[in-house]
Amino acid sequence: MLALWLSKHFQVARLGATLVALAPTLPGAYLTWAAYRDDRREAAADTDAKVKTLAAVVAAAETRQRAQLIGPGAHRIDVTFHQRTEPANNATGAAAHGRLTDIVSYYQNLRPARLAITGEPGAGKTLLALDLILGLLTHPRRTDAAPVPVRFSLADWNTEQPLQEWLAHQVYQQFRDHGITLADATTLVNGYRVLPVLDGLDEMDTDATPAGRRRAASALEELNDYQDPTGIAPVVLTCRTTQYEDLAGLDLRMREAARIQLDDVSPGQATAYLTARSTSPDRWQPVIDTFTTAPAGILARSLATPWRLNLSATAYEERHPNTLASSANRTTCSPWPPPARSATTSSPATSPQPPTSTPPAPTRPTTGSPRSPPTSPQSHPPPAAPTSSSTSCGPWPVPAASAPPTPCSPPSSLSPSPP
C-alpha cells in the first residue's frame, strides 16, 4: 500500500511540475491559435466573397447570352425531353419526362447531381443548359454554400491537362477582370464551389479522328474520375446525340448520371411560338395552316428544332424595308420569281431583288463570346420557289393546291449546321 501511495504521489508531482513549466507558454499558444483561427475565418470570408462575385458575373453574362439566343421579345419554346436510360450507372431520381421550365427541379432531384443533355443539332441543348444555370443562381432556396454553375466550352480543353487544373485556368481567364486571381480560381475549383457545365463534347473531335485519339473519350474518363468528398462530383454535360451514342458504343459514357434527350418541336409548339412572337401573326397563317394539314410534312420537320424556327422567324421578320409590301392590306403575293425588271423603269420598292449571299455557319456560344440569331436580313439567300405562282403571303411562297409541297420547306442554304 505504501508503494502504491508513493507511486501516485510522484506521478502527481511530475504532472504538477510539467504544468508549472508549461504555464508561461500558454498565453503564446493561445494567441497563435487565435491568429490561425482568424486567418481561416478571413480566408473563408474572402472565398465566400469571391463566390458571390462569380455568381453575380455569371448571372449577368448568361442572361445576356440567353436573350441573344432567344431573340426579340424573349419568347421561348418550352421544349420537352425524355430520359434515356443507360445499361448501368444511372443517377437516381430522374423522371421519365421533363420540360425546359422545370429543368431546375429535375436536376435537383438527381443523385448524384450529374446530367448529360443530348439532342440533335439546334435542338436547344445550350439553351437548356443556360436555363439551368440561371435557375440555379436565382433559386429562392439557394444558399451561400451552393456551388456556382459556370459554363465551359469543351472544345478548348487539351485533355493532357487534368480536369480541375483546366477548370481553374478557365475560371481565371473568364473572370480575371472581376478580381478573380488564379489562386482564387484554384481555391474555388478544388473546394467544389464551381459546378462545371461542360458544353459541346461533340466539338472535341472531328468525324475522322481515330477512336484511340479522341479527346472526348479522355474527357469522359476524367469526368468519371471527378470526385468530391461525398463521392462522385456534380457536373452537367451537353453533346449531340450521334456523337454521344458513338462513344457509348465504345462503352464510354458519363457514369452515375441521368441522360436526357431533347424532343422535336411539335407543330402545336411551333404555332404557339410564331403566334406569340410575331407582331402580325396573320403573316404566318399559311405556315400555320400547313402545320395543321401536314403535321408530319417537310415544313413541320424542317422547323422541328428551336434553332431553325428562331432563325426562320428572325430572317423573315427582319427583312429590308424595300422588300415589304407597299400596302398594309395586301393579301396575296406576286408570282415567284418576280418578272425581270428594267434598270430604267423599275425601282427597288416595286420590284425588289432578294438577297443571295449565304450566312456563315455559327459557332457555339461561350461566356463572353455570345452567338445571337442573325440580325442582317440581307445575309440570307432567297427561299426556294414553287414552279407555279404563290397564292398567299407567308415566310415562303405557299404553292397553289396543284403544286407539289416541296417548295414550302426552308432552303438548306438558310440553315447552316447549328451547334
Protein backbone atom coordinates (compact mmCIF):
# COMPACT_ATOMS: atom_id res chain seq x y z
CA MET A 1 0.00 0.00 0.00
CA LEU A 2 2.85 2.34 0.84
CA ALA A 3 4.45 1.68 -2.54
CA LEU A 4 1.21 2.44 -4.33
CA TRP A 5 0.77 5.68 -2.40
CA LEU A 6 4.31 6.79 -3.20
CA SER A 7 3.86 5.98 -6.90
CA LYS A 8 0.71 8.08 -7.13
CA HIS A 9 2.34 10.88 -5.18
CA PHE A 10 5.32 11.12 -7.50
CA GLN A 11 3.09 10.93 -10.64
CA VAL A 12 1.02 13.85 -9.39
CA ALA A 13 4.19 15.70 -8.56
CA ARG A 14 5.59 15.18 -12.06
CA LEU A 15 2.30 16.29 -13.60
CA GLY A 16 2.28 19.40 -11.45
CA ALA A 17 5.85 20.19 -12.39
CA THR A 18 5.01 19.82 -16.06
CA LEU A 19 2.05 22.18 -15.79
CA VAL A 20 4.17 24.75 -13.96
CA ALA A 21 6.80 24.54 -16.70
CA LEU A 22 4.23 24.96 -19.48
CA ALA A 23 2.28 27.76 -17.84
CA PRO A 24 4.38 30.62 -19.28
CA THR A 25 3.84 29.30 -22.82
CA LEU A 26 0.05 29.04 -22.62
CA PRO A 27 -0.70 32.69 -23.50
CA GLY A 28 1.54 32.50 -26.55
CA ALA A 29 -0.02 29.22 -27.66
CA TYR A 30 -3.49 30.72 -27.30
CA LEU A 31 -2.52 33.79 -29.30
CA THR A 32 -1.06 31.60 -32.05
CA TRP A 33 -4.25 29.52 -32.19
CA ALA A 34 -6.41 32.65 -32.22
CA ALA A 35 -4.39 34.14 -35.09
CA TYR A 36 -4.71 30.90 -37.06
CA ARG A 37 -8.46 30.85 -36.39
CA ASP A 38 -8.84 34.46 -37.54
CA ASP A 39 -6.79 33.77 -40.67
CA ARG A 40 -9.03 30.85 -41.50
CA ARG A 41 -12.09 32.98 -40.97
CA GLU A 42 -10.70 35.72 -43.19
CA ALA A 43 -9.81 33.19 -45.88
CA ALA A 44 -13.29 31.68 -45.72
CA ALA A 45 -14.88 35.13 -45.84
CA ASP A 46 -12.71 36.04 -48.83
CA THR A 47 -13.68 32.81 -50.60
CA ASP A 48 -17.36 33.48 -49.90
CA ALA A 49 -16.96 36.98 -51.33
CA LYS A 50 -15.33 35.57 -54.46
CA VAL A 51 -18.19 33.08 -54.82
CA LYS A 52 -20.73 35.91 -54.65
CA THR A 53 -18.77 37.90 -57.23
CA LEU A 54 -18.56 34.90 -59.51
CA ALA A 55 -22.28 34.18 -59.18
CA ALA A 56 -23.23 37.77 -60.00
CA VAL A 57 -20.97 37.94 -63.05
CA VAL A 58 -22.14 34.57 -64.39
CA ALA A 59 -25.81 35.52 -63.92
CA ALA A 60 -25.36 38.79 -65.82
CA ALA A 61 -23.35 37.24 -68.66
CA GLU A 62 -25.62 34.24 -69.16
CA THR A 63 -28.75 36.39 -69.00
CA ARG A 64 -27.38 38.39 -71.94
CA GLN A 65 -26.41 35.19 -73.74
CA ARG A 66 -29.85 33.67 -73.34
CA ALA A 67 -31.51 36.88 -74.57
CA GLN A 68 -29.39 36.79 -77.72
CA LEU A 69 -30.19 33.14 -78.37
CA ILE A 70 -33.93 33.62 -77.82
CA GLY A 71 -34.18 36.75 -79.94
CA PRO A 72 -36.60 39.69 -79.78
CA GLY A 73 -39.46 39.53 -77.32
CA ALA A 74 -37.91 36.89 -75.03
CA HIS A 75 -40.33 34.28 -76.39
CA ARG A 76 -39.19 30.76 -75.59
CA ILE A 77 -40.30 27.36 -76.77
CA ASP A 78 -40.95 25.19 -73.75
CA VAL A 79 -39.05 22.27 -75.24
CA THR A 80 -39.60 18.82 -73.79
CA PHE A 81 -37.20 15.98 -73.16
CA HIS A 82 -37.22 12.35 -72.08
CA GLN A 83 -34.80 10.23 -70.12
CA ARG A 84 -32.55 7.81 -71.97
CA THR A 85 -31.74 5.01 -69.54
CA GLU A 86 -28.24 3.61 -69.88
CA PRO A 87 -27.43 -0.09 -69.32
CA ALA A 88 -25.85 0.73 -65.95
CA ASN A 89 -24.64 3.53 -63.66
CA ASN A 90 -27.70 5.77 -63.94
CA ALA A 91 -28.31 8.55 -61.43
CA THR A 92 -31.37 8.06 -59.29
CA GLY A 93 -34.31 10.47 -59.08
CA ALA A 94 -34.62 11.10 -62.82
CA ALA A 95 -38.19 11.44 -64.11
CA ALA A 96 -39.12 9.81 -67.40
CA HIS A 97 -40.09 13.15 -68.95
CA GLY A 98 -39.46 16.85 -68.36
CA ARG A 99 -39.51 20.27 -69.98
CA LEU A 100 -37.47 23.45 -70.15
CA THR A 101 -39.46 25.26 -67.49
CA ASP A 102 -38.86 22.57 -64.86
CA ILE A 103 -35.20 21.77 -65.60
CA VAL A 104 -34.02 23.12 -62.24
CA SER A 105 -36.25 20.87 -60.15
CA TYR A 106 -35.45 17.96 -62.48
CA TYR A 107 -31.73 18.45 -61.88
CA GLN A 108 -32.06 18.97 -58.14
CA ASN A 109 -33.78 15.59 -57.78
CA LEU A 110 -30.79 13.72 -59.26
CA ARG A 111 -28.49 11.72 -57.01
CA PRO A 112 -25.69 12.32 -57.73
CA ALA A 113 -26.28 15.65 -59.46
CA ARG A 114 -24.84 14.62 -62.83
CA LEU A 115 -26.75 15.34 -66.03
CA ALA A 116 -25.95 14.60 -69.69
CA ILE A 117 -28.04 16.68 -72.13
CA THR A 118 -28.17 15.21 -75.64
CA GLY A 119 -30.08 16.24 -78.73
CA GLU A 120 -29.94 16.84 -82.45
CA PRO A 121 -28.20 19.91 -83.91
CA GLY A 122 -30.18 23.01 -82.96
CA ALA A 123 -32.44 21.11 -80.54
CA GLY A 124 -31.74 23.57 -77.70
CA LYS A 125 -29.01 21.90 -75.64
CA THR A 126 -27.15 25.12 -74.87
CA LEU A 127 -30.37 26.99 -74.14
CA LEU A 128 -31.46 24.26 -71.72
CA ALA A 129 -28.06 24.49 -70.01
CA LEU A 130 -28.40 28.28 -69.78
CA ASP A 131 -31.84 27.98 -68.20
CA LEU A 132 -30.44 25.50 -65.69
CA ILE A 133 -27.55 27.84 -64.82
CA LEU A 134 -29.79 30.86 -64.34
CA GLY A 135 -32.43 28.85 -62.50
CA LEU A 136 -29.88 27.53 -60.01
CA LEU A 137 -28.44 31.01 -59.44
CA THR A 138 -31.84 32.60 -58.81
CA HIS A 139 -33.49 29.74 -56.94
CA PRO A 140 -35.24 31.04 -53.79
CA ARG A 141 -33.68 28.30 -51.64
CA ARG A 142 -30.15 28.84 -52.91
CA THR A 143 -27.58 29.04 -50.09
CA ASP A 144 -24.15 30.67 -49.91
CA ALA A 145 -22.60 27.20 -49.77
CA ALA A 146 -24.12 26.17 -53.11
CA PRO A 147 -21.64 25.92 -55.99
CA VAL A 148 -21.75 28.45 -58.83
CA PRO A 149 -22.66 26.85 -62.17
CA VAL A 150 -20.15 28.02 -64.77
CA ARG A 151 -20.28 27.10 -68.46
CA PHE A 152 -17.12 25.94 -70.21
CA SER A 153 -16.56 25.10 -73.87
CA LEU A 154 -15.05 21.61 -74.08
CA ALA A 155 -13.55 22.41 -77.47
CA ASP A 156 -10.88 24.41 -75.59
CA TRP A 157 -9.74 21.50 -73.39
CA ASN A 158 -6.48 19.73 -74.11
CA THR A 159 -7.18 16.61 -72.10
CA GLU A 160 -3.50 16.12 -71.32
CA GLN A 161 -4.17 18.81 -68.71
CA PRO A 162 -6.04 17.46 -65.64
CA LEU A 163 -9.68 18.46 -65.43
CA GLN A 164 -9.52 20.55 -62.25
CA GLU A 165 -6.37 22.34 -63.38
CA TRP A 166 -8.03 23.20 -66.70
CA LEU A 167 -11.20 24.36 -64.95
CA ALA A 168 -9.18 26.64 -62.66
CA HIS A 169 -7.38 28.23 -65.61
CA GLN A 170 -10.68 28.69 -67.45
CA VAL A 171 -12.27 30.38 -64.43
CA TYR A 172 -9.27 32.69 -64.16
CA GLN A 173 -9.31 33.56 -67.87
CA GLN A 174 -13.05 34.25 -67.90
CA PHE A 175 -13.28 36.24 -64.67
CA ARG A 176 -9.88 37.80 -64.00
CA ASP A 177 -11.28 41.21 -64.95
CA HIS A 178 -13.61 40.84 -61.98
CA GLY A 179 -10.92 40.32 -59.36
CA ILE A 180 -10.59 36.52 -59.60
CA THR A 181 -6.92 35.55 -59.43
CA LEU A 182 -5.53 32.19 -60.48
CA ALA A 183 -5.12 31.32 -56.79
CA ASP A 184 -8.77 32.27 -56.21
CA ALA A 185 -9.88 30.16 -59.15
CA THR A 186 -7.86 27.18 -57.93
CA THR A 187 -9.39 27.50 -54.46
CA LEU A 188 -12.91 27.70 -55.87
CA VAL A 189 -12.48 24.70 -58.17
CA ASN A 190 -10.61 22.50 -55.69
CA GLY A 191 -13.12 23.44 -52.99
CA TYR A 192 -16.00 22.39 -55.29
CA ARG A 193 -17.51 25.88 -55.20
CA VAL A 194 -17.86 25.71 -59.00
CA LEU A 195 -20.36 23.43 -60.76
CA PRO A 196 -18.89 22.65 -64.20
CA VAL A 197 -21.40 22.95 -67.05
CA LEU A 198 -19.42 21.46 -69.93
CA ASP A 199 -20.81 22.48 -73.30
CA GLY A 200 -20.05 20.63 -76.54
CA LEU A 201 -18.49 17.21 -76.01
CA ASP A 202 -19.18 16.66 -79.71
CA GLU A 203 -16.88 19.56 -80.64
CA MET A 204 -13.74 17.98 -79.22
CA ASP A 205 -13.05 15.79 -82.26
CA THR A 206 -13.78 15.53 -85.94
CA ASP A 207 -15.51 12.59 -87.58
CA ALA A 208 -12.14 11.48 -88.95
CA THR A 209 -10.44 11.34 -85.53
CA PRO A 210 -9.44 7.73 -84.76
CA ALA A 211 -11.23 6.22 -81.77
CA GLY A 212 -7.98 5.82 -79.84
CA ARG A 213 -7.11 9.52 -80.18
CA ARG A 214 -10.46 11.12 -79.37
CA ARG A 215 -10.27 13.86 -76.79
CA ALA A 216 -13.93 13.23 -75.98
CA ALA A 217 -13.05 9.74 -74.79
CA SER A 218 -10.36 11.11 -72.49
CA ALA A 219 -12.80 13.77 -71.25
CA LEU A 220 -15.36 11.16 -70.25
CA GLU A 221 -12.73 9.17 -68.42
CA GLU A 222 -11.72 12.29 -66.49
CA LEU A 223 -15.34 13.10 -65.67
CA ASN A 224 -15.90 9.59 -64.37
CA ASP A 225 -12.90 10.06 -62.03
CA TYR A 226 -14.03 13.52 -60.88
CA GLN A 227 -14.90 13.21 -57.19
CA ASP A 228 -15.63 15.42 -54.22
CA PRO A 229 -15.53 14.46 -50.51
CA THR A 230 -19.04 12.97 -50.71
CA GLY A 231 -18.34 10.80 -53.74
CA ILE A 232 -18.58 11.38 -57.46
CA ALA A 233 -18.80 15.12 -58.13
CA PRO A 234 -21.71 17.00 -59.76
CA VAL A 235 -21.35 18.03 -63.40
CA VAL A 236 -23.55 18.93 -66.39
CA LEU A 237 -22.58 17.91 -69.93
CA THR A 238 -24.04 18.65 -73.39
CA CYS A 239 -23.43 16.65 -76.55
CA ARG A 240 -25.07 15.90 -79.86
CA THR A 241 -26.91 12.58 -79.84
CA THR A 242 -24.96 10.89 -82.62
CA GLN A 243 -21.55 11.62 -81.14
CA TYR A 244 -22.64 10.59 -77.64
CA GLU A 245 -24.02 7.29 -78.89
CA ASP A 246 -20.86 6.68 -80.93
CA LEU A 247 -18.87 6.98 -77.69
CA ALA A 248 -21.40 4.85 -75.83
CA GLY A 249 -20.82 2.18 -78.46
CA LEU A 250 -17.21 2.11 -77.23
CA ASP A 251 -18.52 1.74 -73.65
CA LEU A 252 -17.68 5.38 -72.95
CA ARG A 253 -20.37 7.47 -71.31
CA MET A 254 -20.72 9.71 -68.27
CA ARG A 255 -21.34 7.34 -65.39
CA GLU A 256 -23.58 7.87 -62.38
CA ALA A 257 -25.52 10.39 -64.46
CA ALA A 258 -29.00 10.91 -65.88
CA ARG A 259 -29.04 11.25 -69.65
CA ILE A 260 -31.87 13.19 -71.26
CA GLN A 261 -32.76 13.55 -74.94
CA LEU A 262 -34.41 16.72 -76.28
CA ASP A 263 -37.60 16.17 -78.28
CA ASP A 264 -38.53 17.77 -81.60
CA VAL A 265 -40.65 20.91 -81.54
CA SER A 266 -44.23 19.85 -82.25
CA PRO A 267 -46.38 21.71 -84.82
CA GLY A 268 -48.50 22.98 -81.92
CA GLN A 269 -45.45 24.38 -80.13
CA ALA A 270 -44.22 25.97 -83.34
CA THR A 271 -47.61 27.56 -83.95
CA ALA A 272 -47.77 28.95 -80.42
CA TYR A 273 -44.22 30.34 -80.72
CA LEU A 274 -44.77 32.05 -84.08
CA THR A 275 -48.11 33.49 -82.97
CA ALA A 276 -46.69 34.86 -79.72
CA ARG A 277 -43.54 36.25 -81.28
CA SER A 278 -44.92 37.92 -84.38
CA THR A 279 -46.42 41.39 -84.33
CA SER A 280 -48.50 40.34 -87.35
CA PRO A 281 -49.47 36.69 -86.80
CA ASP A 282 -51.58 36.67 -89.96
CA ARG A 283 -48.37 36.77 -91.98
CA TRP A 284 -47.59 33.29 -90.64
CA GLN A 285 -51.05 31.84 -91.32
CA PRO A 286 -50.04 29.89 -94.45
CA VAL A 287 -47.26 28.20 -92.48
CA ILE A 288 -49.58 27.51 -89.53
CA ASP A 289 -52.18 26.07 -91.90
CA THR A 290 -49.53 23.77 -93.34
CA PHE A 291 -48.62 22.62 -89.83
CA THR A 292 -52.27 21.70 -89.35
CA THR A 293 -52.81 19.93 -92.66
CA ALA A 294 -49.41 18.21 -92.78
CA PRO A 295 -48.07 17.84 -89.22
CA ALA A 296 -45.51 15.29 -90.42
CA GLY A 297 -44.73 17.08 -93.66
CA ILE A 298 -41.46 18.56 -94.83
CA LEU A 299 -42.22 22.06 -93.48
CA ALA A 300 -43.06 20.77 -89.99
CA ARG A 301 -39.93 18.59 -89.99
CA SER A 302 -37.75 21.43 -91.23
CA LEU A 303 -38.90 23.68 -88.38
CA ALA A 304 -38.79 20.98 -85.69
CA THR A 305 -35.82 22.48 -83.82
CA PRO A 306 -35.83 25.75 -81.86
CA TRP A 307 -32.76 26.96 -83.75
CA ARG A 308 -34.34 26.63 -87.21
CA LEU A 309 -37.63 28.04 -86.02
CA ASN A 310 -35.97 31.04 -84.39
CA LEU A 311 -33.72 31.61 -87.39
CA SER A 312 -36.66 31.49 -89.79
CA ALA A 313 -38.72 33.91 -87.70
CA THR A 314 -35.79 36.31 -87.37
CA ALA A 315 -34.90 36.21 -91.07
CA TYR A 316 -38.48 36.76 -92.17
CA GLU A 317 -39.38 39.50 -89.70
CA GLU A 318 -36.16 41.48 -90.20
CA ARG A 319 -36.39 41.86 -93.96
CA HIS A 320 -35.19 45.05 -95.54
CA PRO A 321 -37.98 47.67 -95.73
CA ASN A 322 -37.77 47.63 -99.52
CA THR A 323 -38.95 44.02 -99.52
CA LEU A 324 -42.10 44.77 -97.52
CA ALA A 325 -45.46 45.21 -99.16
CA SER A 326 -46.33 48.78 -100.07
CA SER A 327 -49.88 48.23 -98.93
CA ALA A 328 -50.78 47.00 -95.45
CA ASN A 329 -53.98 45.49 -96.87
CA ARG A 330 -52.24 43.22 -99.38
CA THR A 331 -53.46 39.63 -99.02
CA THR A 332 -51.81 37.89 -101.96
CA CYS A 333 -48.25 37.65 -103.17
CA SER A 334 -46.82 38.20 -106.59
CA PRO A 335 -45.64 35.16 -108.55
CA TRP A 336 -42.15 33.88 -107.79
CA PRO A 337 -39.71 34.54 -109.25
CA PRO A 338 -40.60 38.16 -109.94
CA PRO A 339 -40.58 39.30 -113.56
CA ALA A 340 -37.37 40.76 -114.87
CA ARG A 341 -37.16 44.49 -114.35
CA SER A 342 -35.67 47.18 -116.42
CA ALA A 343 -32.99 49.29 -114.79
CA THR A 344 -34.63 52.39 -116.27
CA THR A 345 -38.26 51.66 -115.42
CA SER A 346 -38.32 49.66 -112.18
CA SER A 347 -37.44 50.70 -108.68
CA PRO A 348 -36.35 48.63 -105.69
CA ALA A 349 -39.58 49.46 -103.91
CA THR A 350 -41.76 47.97 -106.65
CA SER A 351 -39.61 45.02 -107.71
CA PRO A 352 -37.15 44.07 -105.01
CA GLN A 353 -34.38 41.61 -105.64
CA PRO A 354 -33.94 39.05 -102.84
CA PRO A 355 -30.54 38.74 -101.20
CA THR A 356 -28.30 35.97 -102.41
CA SER A 357 -25.35 35.65 -100.03
CA THR A 358 -25.09 32.73 -97.61
CA PRO A 359 -24.65 33.36 -93.88
CA PRO A 360 -21.54 31.97 -92.19
CA ALA A 361 -22.02 28.92 -90.02
CA PRO A 362 -22.48 29.95 -86.39
CA THR A 363 -20.21 28.79 -83.59
CA ARG A 364 -21.20 27.54 -80.17
CA PRO A 365 -21.66 30.44 -77.74
CA THR A 366 -19.42 30.71 -74.70
CA THR A 367 -19.47 33.05 -71.74
CA GLY A 368 -18.07 36.33 -73.00
CA SER A 369 -18.41 35.32 -76.67
CA PRO A 370 -22.15 35.23 -77.41
CA ARG A 371 -23.79 33.99 -80.53
CA SER A 372 -27.02 35.67 -81.46
CA PRO A 373 -29.63 34.93 -84.10
CA PRO A 374 -28.96 36.65 -87.41
CA THR A 375 -29.82 40.32 -87.44
CA SER A 376 -28.96 41.21 -91.00
CA PRO A 377 -31.72 40.07 -93.33
CA GLN A 378 -29.58 40.73 -96.38
CA SER A 379 -27.25 37.90 -95.34
CA HIS A 380 -29.83 35.22 -96.21
CA PRO A 381 -30.49 33.58 -99.57
CA PRO A 382 -33.94 33.68 -101.12
CA PRO A 383 -36.36 30.88 -100.27
CA ALA A 384 -36.93 28.04 -102.66
CA ALA A 385 -39.64 28.94 -105.10
CA PRO A 386 -42.53 26.82 -106.39
CA THR A 387 -42.88 26.14 -110.05
CA SER A 388 -46.23 27.88 -110.08
CA SER A 389 -47.41 31.18 -108.74
CA SER A 390 -47.84 31.60 -104.99
CA THR A 391 -51.35 32.17 -103.76
CA SER A 392 -50.80 33.67 -100.30
CA CYS A 393 -48.35 35.72 -98.30
CA GLY A 394 -46.05 33.92 -95.90
CA PRO A 395 -42.46 33.41 -94.97
CA TRP A 396 -42.08 31.18 -98.01
CA PRO A 397 -44.29 31.16 -101.09
CA VAL A 398 -47.04 28.63 -100.44
CA PRO A 399 -47.85 26.87 -103.71
CA ALA A 400 -51.28 26.53 -105.16
CA ALA A 401 -53.20 23.36 -104.38
CA SER A 402 -51.96 21.69 -107.56
CA ALA A 403 -48.30 22.45 -106.87
CA PRO A 404 -46.04 19.96 -105.08
CA PRO A 405 -45.43 20.66 -101.35
CA THR A 406 -41.64 20.58 -101.53
CA PRO A 407 -41.13 24.36 -102.08
CA CYS A 408 -42.71 25.04 -98.68
CA SER A 409 -39.59 23.89 -96.93
CA PRO A 410 -36.98 26.41 -95.81
CA PRO A 411 -33.96 26.29 -98.09
CA SER A 412 -30.95 24.32 -96.93
CA SER A 413 -28.73 27.36 -97.50
CA LEU A 414 -30.79 29.22 -94.92
CA SER A 415 -29.89 26.66 -92.30
CA PRO A 416 -26.17 26.19 -91.71
CA SER A 417 -25.40 23.47 -89.20
CA PRO A 418 -26.10 24.76 -85.68
CA PRO A 419 -24.20 23.76 -82.56
